[in-house]
PDB file of N, CA and C in Angstrom:
ATOM      1  N   UNK A   1     -16.419  18.297  27.650  1.00  0.00           N
ATOM      2  CA  UNK A   1     -16.592  17.170  27.387  1.00  0.00           C
ATOM      3  C   UNK A   1     -15.927  17.705  25.739  1.00  0.00           C
ATOM      4  N   UNK A   2     -15.249  18.381  24.864  1.00  0.00           N
ATOM      5  CA  UNK A   2     -14.388  19.146  24.128  1.00  0.00           C
ATOM      6  C   UNK A   2     -13.056  18.448  24.704  1.00  0.00           C
ATOM      7  N   UNK A   3     -12.831  19.033  25.493  1.00  0.00           N
ATOM      8  CA  UNK A   3     -10.996  19.213  26.361  1.00  0.00           C
ATOM      9  C   UNK A   3     -11.305  17.013  26.349  1.00  0.00           C
ATOM     10  N   UNK A   4     -12.421  16.813  26.528  1.00  0.00           N
ATOM     11  CA  UNK A   4     -11.767  15.496  26.221  1.00  0.00           C
ATOM     12  C   UNK A   4     -11.965  14.845  25.063  1.00  0.00           C
ATOM     13  N   UNK A   5     -12.524  15.120  23.999  1.00  0.00           N
ATOM     14  CA  UNK A   5     -12.733  14.621  22.363  1.00  0.00           C
ATOM     15  C   UNK A   5     -11.316  14.945  22.212  1.00  0.00           C
ATOM     16  N   UNK A   6     -10.780  16.434  22.025  1.00  0.00           N
ATOM     17  CA  UNK A   6      -9.352  16.999  22.222  1.00  0.00           C
ATOM     18  C   UNK A   6      -8.491  16.312  22.909  1.00  0.00           C
ATOM     19  N   UNK A   7      -8.664  15.659  24.082  1.00  0.00           N
ATOM     20  CA  UNK A   7      -7.251  15.524  24.160  1.00  0.00           C
ATOM     21  C   UNK A   7      -7.179  13.005  23.844  1.00  0.00           C
ATOM     22  N   UNK A   8      -8.271  13.114  23.862  1.00  0.00           N
ATOM     23  CA  UNK A   8      -8.964  11.951  23.279  1.00  0.00           C
ATOM     24  C   UNK A   8      -8.030  11.503  21.573  1.00  0.00           C
ATOM     25  N   UNK A   9      -8.063  12.533  21.159  1.00  0.00           N
ATOM     26  CA  UNK A   9      -7.551  12.083  19.758  1.00  0.00           C
ATOM     27  C   UNK A   9      -6.190  12.721  19.264  1.00  0.00           C
ATOM     28  N   UNK A  10      -5.807  13.697  20.650  1.00  0.00           N
ATOM     29  CA  UNK A  10      -4.119  14.046  20.266  1.00  0.00           C
ATOM     30  C   UNK A  10      -3.823  12.806  20.992  1.00  0.00           C
ATOM     31  N   UNK A  11      -4.342  11.957  22.179  1.00  0.00           N
ATOM     32  CA  UNK A  11      -3.042  11.094  22.280  1.00  0.00           C
ATOM     33  C   UNK A  11      -3.002   9.603  21.324  1.00  0.00           C
ATOM     34  N   UNK A  12      -4.661   9.729  20.247  1.00  0.00           N
ATOM     35  CA  UNK A  12      -4.733   9.190  19.051  1.00  0.00           C
ATOM     36  C   UNK A  12      -3.639   9.086  18.006  1.00  0.00           C
ATOM     37  N   UNK A  13      -3.628  10.605  18.027  1.00  0.00           N
ATOM     38  CA  UNK A  13      -2.453  10.773  16.998  1.00  0.00           C
ATOM     39  C   UNK A  13      -0.867  10.328  17.417  1.00  0.00           C
ATOM     40  N   UNK A  14      -0.520  10.707  18.382  1.00  0.00           N
ATOM     41  CA  UNK A  14       0.467  10.085  19.311  1.00  0.00           C
ATOM     42  C   UNK A  14       1.235   9.042  19.305  1.00  0.00           C
ATOM     43  N   UNK A  15      -0.455   7.994  19.463  1.00  0.00           N
ATOM     44  CA  UNK A  15      -0.002   7.010  19.872  1.00  0.00           C
ATOM     45  C   UNK A  15       0.369   6.220  18.576  1.00  0.00           C
ATOM     46  N   UNK A  16      -0.480   6.508  16.745  1.00  0.00           N
ATOM     47  CA  UNK A  16      -0.621   6.199  16.172  1.00  0.00           C
ATOM     48  C   UNK A  16       0.936   6.512  15.018  1.00  0.00           C
ATOM     49  N   UNK A  17       1.668   7.888  15.568  1.00  0.00           N
ATOM     50  CA  UNK A  17       2.720   8.096  14.746  1.00  0.00           C
ATOM     51  C   UNK A  17       3.821   6.700  14.616  1.00  0.00           C
ATOM     52  N   UNK A  18       4.561   6.310  15.797  1.00  0.00           N
ATOM     53  CA  UNK A  18       5.643   5.169  15.643  1.00  0.00           C
ATOM     54  C   UNK A  18       5.150   3.625  14.347  1.00  0.00           C
ATOM     55  N   UNK A  19       3.779   3.880  14.773  1.00  0.00           N
ATOM     56  CA  UNK A  19       3.516   2.172  13.889  1.00  0.00           C
ATOM     57  C   UNK A  19       3.863   2.605  12.495  1.00  0.00           C
ATOM     58  N   UNK A  20       3.778   4.039  11.764  1.00  0.00           N
ATOM     59  CA  UNK A  20       3.659   4.328  10.607  1.00  0.00           C
ATOM     60  C   UNK A  20       5.021   3.754  10.056  1.00  0.00           C
ATOM     61  N   UNK A  21       5.846   4.202  10.985  1.00  0.00           N
ATOM     62  CA  UNK A  21       7.268   4.082  10.471  1.00  0.00           C
ATOM     63  C   UNK A  21       7.897   2.680  10.697  1.00  0.00           C
ATOM     64  N   UNK A  22       7.554   1.636  10.961  1.00  0.00           N
ATOM     65  CA  UNK A  22       7.572   0.330  12.110  1.00  0.00           C
ATOM     66  C   UNK A  22       8.386  -0.546  10.836  1.00  0.00           C
ATOM     67  N   UNK A  23       7.325  -0.591   9.149  1.00  0.00           N
ATOM     68  CA  UNK A  23       7.802  -1.574   8.431  1.00  0.00           C
ATOM     69  C   UNK A  23       9.531  -1.102   7.636  1.00  0.00           C
ATOM     70  N   UNK A  24       9.873  -0.216   7.937  1.00  0.00           N
ATOM     71  CA  UNK A  24      11.331   0.748   7.607  1.00  0.00           C
ATOM     72  C   UNK A  24      12.185   0.234   8.436  1.00  0.00           C
ATOM     73  N   UNK A  25      11.975  -0.464   9.325  1.00  0.00           N
ATOM     74  CA  UNK A  25      12.929  -0.461  11.213  1.00  0.00           C
ATOM     75  C   UNK A  25      13.479  -2.200  10.854  1.00  0.00           C
ATOM     76  N   UNK A  26      14.486  -2.307  10.859  1.00  0.00           N
ATOM     77  CA  UNK A  26      15.063  -3.972  11.642  1.00  0.00           C
ATOM     78  C   UNK A  26      14.230  -3.941  12.446  1.00  0.00           C
ATOM     79  N   UNK A  27      14.707  -5.467  13.439  1.00  0.00           N
ATOM     80  CA  UNK A  27      14.305  -6.243  13.995  1.00  0.00           C
ATOM     81  C   UNK A  27      15.202  -5.567  15.332  1.00  0.00           C
ATOM     82  N   UNK A  28      15.801  -5.004  15.262  1.00  0.00           N
ATOM     83  CA  UNK A  28      16.524  -4.197  16.482  1.00  0.00           C
ATOM     84  C   UNK A  28      15.791  -2.769  16.273  1.00  0.00           C
ATOM     85  N   UNK A  29      15.239  -1.897  15.690  1.00  0.00           N
ATOM     86  CA  UNK A  29      14.389  -1.071  15.746  1.00  0.00           C
ATOM     87  C   UNK A  29      15.148   0.230  14.778  1.00  0.00           C
ATOM     88  N   UNK A  30      16.674  -0.237  14.352  1.00  0.00           N
ATOM     89  CA  UNK A  30      17.604   0.866  13.173  1.00  0.00           C
ATOM     90  C   UNK A  30      16.411   0.720  11.975  1.00  0.00           C
ATOM     91  N   UNK A  31      16.830   1.545  11.635  1.00  0.00           N
ATOM     92  CA  UNK A  31      15.929   2.476  10.213  1.00  0.00           C
ATOM     93  C   UNK A  31      17.022   1.386   9.184  1.00  0.00           C
ATOM     94  N   UNK A  32      15.966   1.126   8.033  1.00  0.00           N
ATOM     95  CA  UNK A  32      16.745   0.249   6.975  1.00  0.00           C
ATOM     96  C   UNK A  32      16.540   0.737   5.604  1.00  0.00           C
ATOM     97  N   UNK A  33      16.617   0.554   4.865  1.00  0.00           N
ATOM     98  CA  UNK A  33      15.380   1.050   3.509  1.00  0.00           C
ATOM     99  C   UNK A  33      14.192   0.508   3.227  1.00  0.00           C
ATOM    100  N   UNK A  34      13.248   0.423   2.869  1.00  0.00           N
ATOM    101  CA  UNK A  34      12.121   0.046   3.001  1.00  0.00           C
ATOM    102  C   UNK A  34      12.393  -0.511   1.617  1.00  0.00           C
ATOM    103  N   UNK A  35      10.978  -1.945   1.286  1.00  0.00           N
ATOM    104  CA  UNK A  35      11.391  -2.350   0.576  1.00  0.00           C
ATOM    105  C   UNK A  35      10.386  -2.514  -0.597  1.00  0.00           C
ATOM    106  N   UNK A  36      10.985  -2.592  -2.001  1.00  0.00           N
ATOM    107  CA  UNK A  36      10.074  -2.138  -3.481  1.00  0.00           C
ATOM    108  C   UNK A  36       8.869  -2.422  -3.269  1.00  0.00           C
ATOM    109  N   UNK A  37       7.574  -1.720  -3.994  1.00  0.00           N
ATOM    110  CA  UNK A  37       6.654  -2.826  -4.220  1.00  0.00           C
ATOM    111  C   UNK A  37       6.513  -3.458  -5.179  1.00  0.00           C
ATOM    112  N   UNK A  38       6.192  -4.533  -5.469  1.00  0.00           N
ATOM    113  CA  UNK A  38       6.156  -5.648  -6.689  1.00  0.00           C
ATOM    114  C   UNK A  38       5.230  -4.682  -7.634  1.00  0.00           C
ATOM    115  N   UNK A  39       5.278  -4.776  -8.941  1.00  0.00           N
ATOM    116  CA  UNK A  39       4.831  -3.944  -9.637  1.00  0.00           C
ATOM    117  C   UNK A  39       3.335  -5.444  -9.910  1.00  0.00           C
ATOM    118  N   UNK A  40       2.547  -4.656 -10.287  1.00  0.00           N
ATOM    119  CA  UNK A  40       0.832  -5.490 -10.285  1.00  0.00           C
ATOM    120  C   UNK A  40       1.364  -6.402 -12.169  1.00  0.00           C
ATOM    121  N   UNK A  41       0.977  -7.220 -12.451  1.00  0.00           N
ATOM    122  CA  UNK A  41       1.490  -8.108 -13.737  1.00  0.00           C
ATOM    123  C   UNK A  41       0.331  -7.664 -14.923  1.00  0.00           C
ATOM    124  N   UNK A  42       1.159  -7.261 -15.526  1.00  0.00           N
ATOM    125  CA  UNK A  42       0.196  -6.528 -16.425  1.00  0.00           C
ATOM    126  C   UNK A  42      -1.394  -7.193 -17.306  1.00  0.00           C
ATOM    127  N   UNK A  43      -2.706  -6.804 -17.512  1.00  0.00           N
ATOM    128  CA  UNK A  43      -3.482  -7.702 -17.294  1.00  0.00           C
ATOM    129  C   UNK A  43      -3.897  -7.535 -18.821  1.00  0.00           C
ATOM    130  N   UNK A  44      -4.181  -7.918 -20.119  1.00  0.00           N
ATOM    131  CA  UNK A  44      -4.475  -7.505 -21.578  1.00  0.00           C
ATOM    132  C   UNK A  44      -6.471  -8.236 -21.674  1.00  0.00           C
ATOM    133  N   UNK A  45      -7.066  -7.319 -22.364  1.00  0.00           N
ATOM    134  CA  UNK A  45      -7.841  -7.677 -22.530  1.00  0.00           C
ATOM    135  C   UNK A  45      -7.977  -8.085 -23.920  1.00  0.00           C
ATOM    136  N   UNK A  46      -8.730  -9.010 -24.616  1.00  0.00           N
ATOM    137  CA  UNK A  46      -9.020  -9.979 -25.862  1.00  0.00           C
ATOM    138  C   UNK A  46      -9.853  -8.639 -26.446  1.00  0.00           C
ATOM    139  N   UNK A  47     -10.259  -9.361 -28.099  1.00  0.00           N
ATOM    140  CA  UNK A  47     -11.179  -7.805 -28.384  1.00  0.00           C
ATOM    141  C   UNK A  47     -12.712  -8.354 -28.215  1.00  0.00           C
ATOM    142  N   UNK A  48     -13.122  -9.171 -27.881  1.00  0.00           N
ATOM    143  CA  UNK A  48     -14.663  -9.819 -27.153  1.00  0.00           C
ATOM    144  C   UNK A  48     -14.614  -9.210 -25.961  1.00  0.00           C
ATOM    145  N   UNK A  49     -12.857  -8.587 -25.310  1.00  0.00           N
ATOM    146  CA  UNK A  49     -13.846  -7.728 -23.632  1.00  0.00           C
ATOM    147  C   UNK A  49     -13.528  -8.454 -22.909  1.00  0.00           C
ATOM    148  N   UNK A  50     -13.388 -10.034 -22.788  1.00  0.00           N
ATOM    149  CA  UNK A  50     -12.757 -10.368 -21.690  1.00  0.00           C
ATOM    150  C   UNK A  50     -11.484 -10.789 -21.253  1.00  0.00           C
ATOM    151  N   UNK A  51     -11.024 -10.999 -20.420  1.00  0.00           N
ATOM    152  CA  UNK A  51      -9.348 -10.877 -20.229  1.00  0.00           C
ATOM    153  C   UNK A  51      -9.054 -12.079 -20.905  1.00  0.00           C
ATOM    154  N   UNK A  52      -7.827 -12.316 -21.907  1.00  0.00           N
ATOM    155  CA  UNK A  52      -7.082 -12.551 -22.183  1.00  0.00           C
ATOM    156  C   UNK A  52      -5.674 -12.739 -22.131  1.00  0.00           C
ATOM    157  N   UNK A  53      -5.056 -14.379 -22.027  1.00  0.00           N
ATOM    158  CA  UNK A  53      -3.891 -14.435 -22.298  1.00  0.00           C
ATOM    159  C   UNK A  53      -2.998 -12.854 -22.955  1.00  0.00           C
ATOM    160  N   UNK A  54      -1.887 -12.118 -21.981  1.00  0.00           N
ATOM    161  CA  UNK A  54      -1.305 -11.376 -22.478  1.00  0.00           C
ATOM    162  C   UNK A  54      -0.503 -12.191 -24.600  1.00  0.00           C
ATOM    163  N   UNK A  55      -0.157 -11.129 -25.163  1.00  0.00           N
ATOM    164  CA  UNK A  55       0.734 -12.075 -26.496  1.00  0.00           C
ATOM    165  C   UNK A  55      -0.294 -13.172 -26.605  1.00  0.00           C
ATOM    166  N   UNK A  56      -1.160 -13.196 -26.651  1.00  0.00           N
ATOM    167  CA  UNK A  56      -2.207 -13.336 -27.650  1.00  0.00           C
ATOM    168  C   UNK A  56      -3.257 -12.613 -28.933  1.00  0.00           C
ATOM    169  N   UNK A  57      -3.490 -12.947 -30.513  1.00  0.00           N
ATOM    170  CA  UNK A  57      -3.457 -12.236 -31.653  1.00  0.00           C
ATOM    171  C   UNK A  57      -4.593 -11.065 -30.715  1.00  0.00           C
ATOM    172  N   UNK A  58      -5.173 -10.136 -30.901  1.00  0.00           N
ATOM    173  CA  UNK A  58      -6.189  -9.496 -30.345  1.00  0.00           C
ATOM    174  C   UNK A  58      -5.919  -8.368 -29.078  1.00  0.00           C
ATOM    175  N   UNK A  59      -5.158  -9.357 -28.031  1.00  0.00           N
ATOM    176  CA  UNK A  59      -5.229  -8.898 -26.723  1.00  0.00           C
ATOM    177  C   UNK A  59      -4.797  -7.578 -26.112  1.00  0.00           C
ATOM    178  N   UNK A  60      -5.134  -6.483 -25.859  1.00  0.00           N
ATOM    179  CA  UNK A  60      -4.421  -5.010 -25.360  1.00  0.00           C
ATOM    180  C   UNK A  60      -4.188  -5.403 -23.892  1.00  0.00           C
ATOM    181  N   UNK A  61      -3.416  -4.704 -23.327  1.00  0.00           N
ATOM    182  CA  UNK A  61      -2.911  -4.252 -22.262  1.00  0.00           C
ATOM    183  C   UNK A  61      -3.777  -3.140 -21.809  1.00  0.00           C
ATOM    184  N   UNK A  62      -4.430  -3.698 -20.429  1.00  0.00           N
ATOM    185  CA  UNK A  62      -5.462  -2.535 -19.582  1.00  0.00           C
ATOM    186  C   UNK A  62      -4.923  -1.228 -18.941  1.00  0.00           C
TER     187      UNK A  62
END
């Protein structure tokens, strides 16, 4: 039973490794530069503690 669990875990790790590198390959399978992640927009809270539009008086970035 223990051997079966070790074999299953090993097989799972070996098949998962190629999928981790997949986002940085093009359609032909060649490695390319990975696209940079977009920054999340800055959110601001007003004086009352609720989200407000940045730039309004009293709004501070969170």
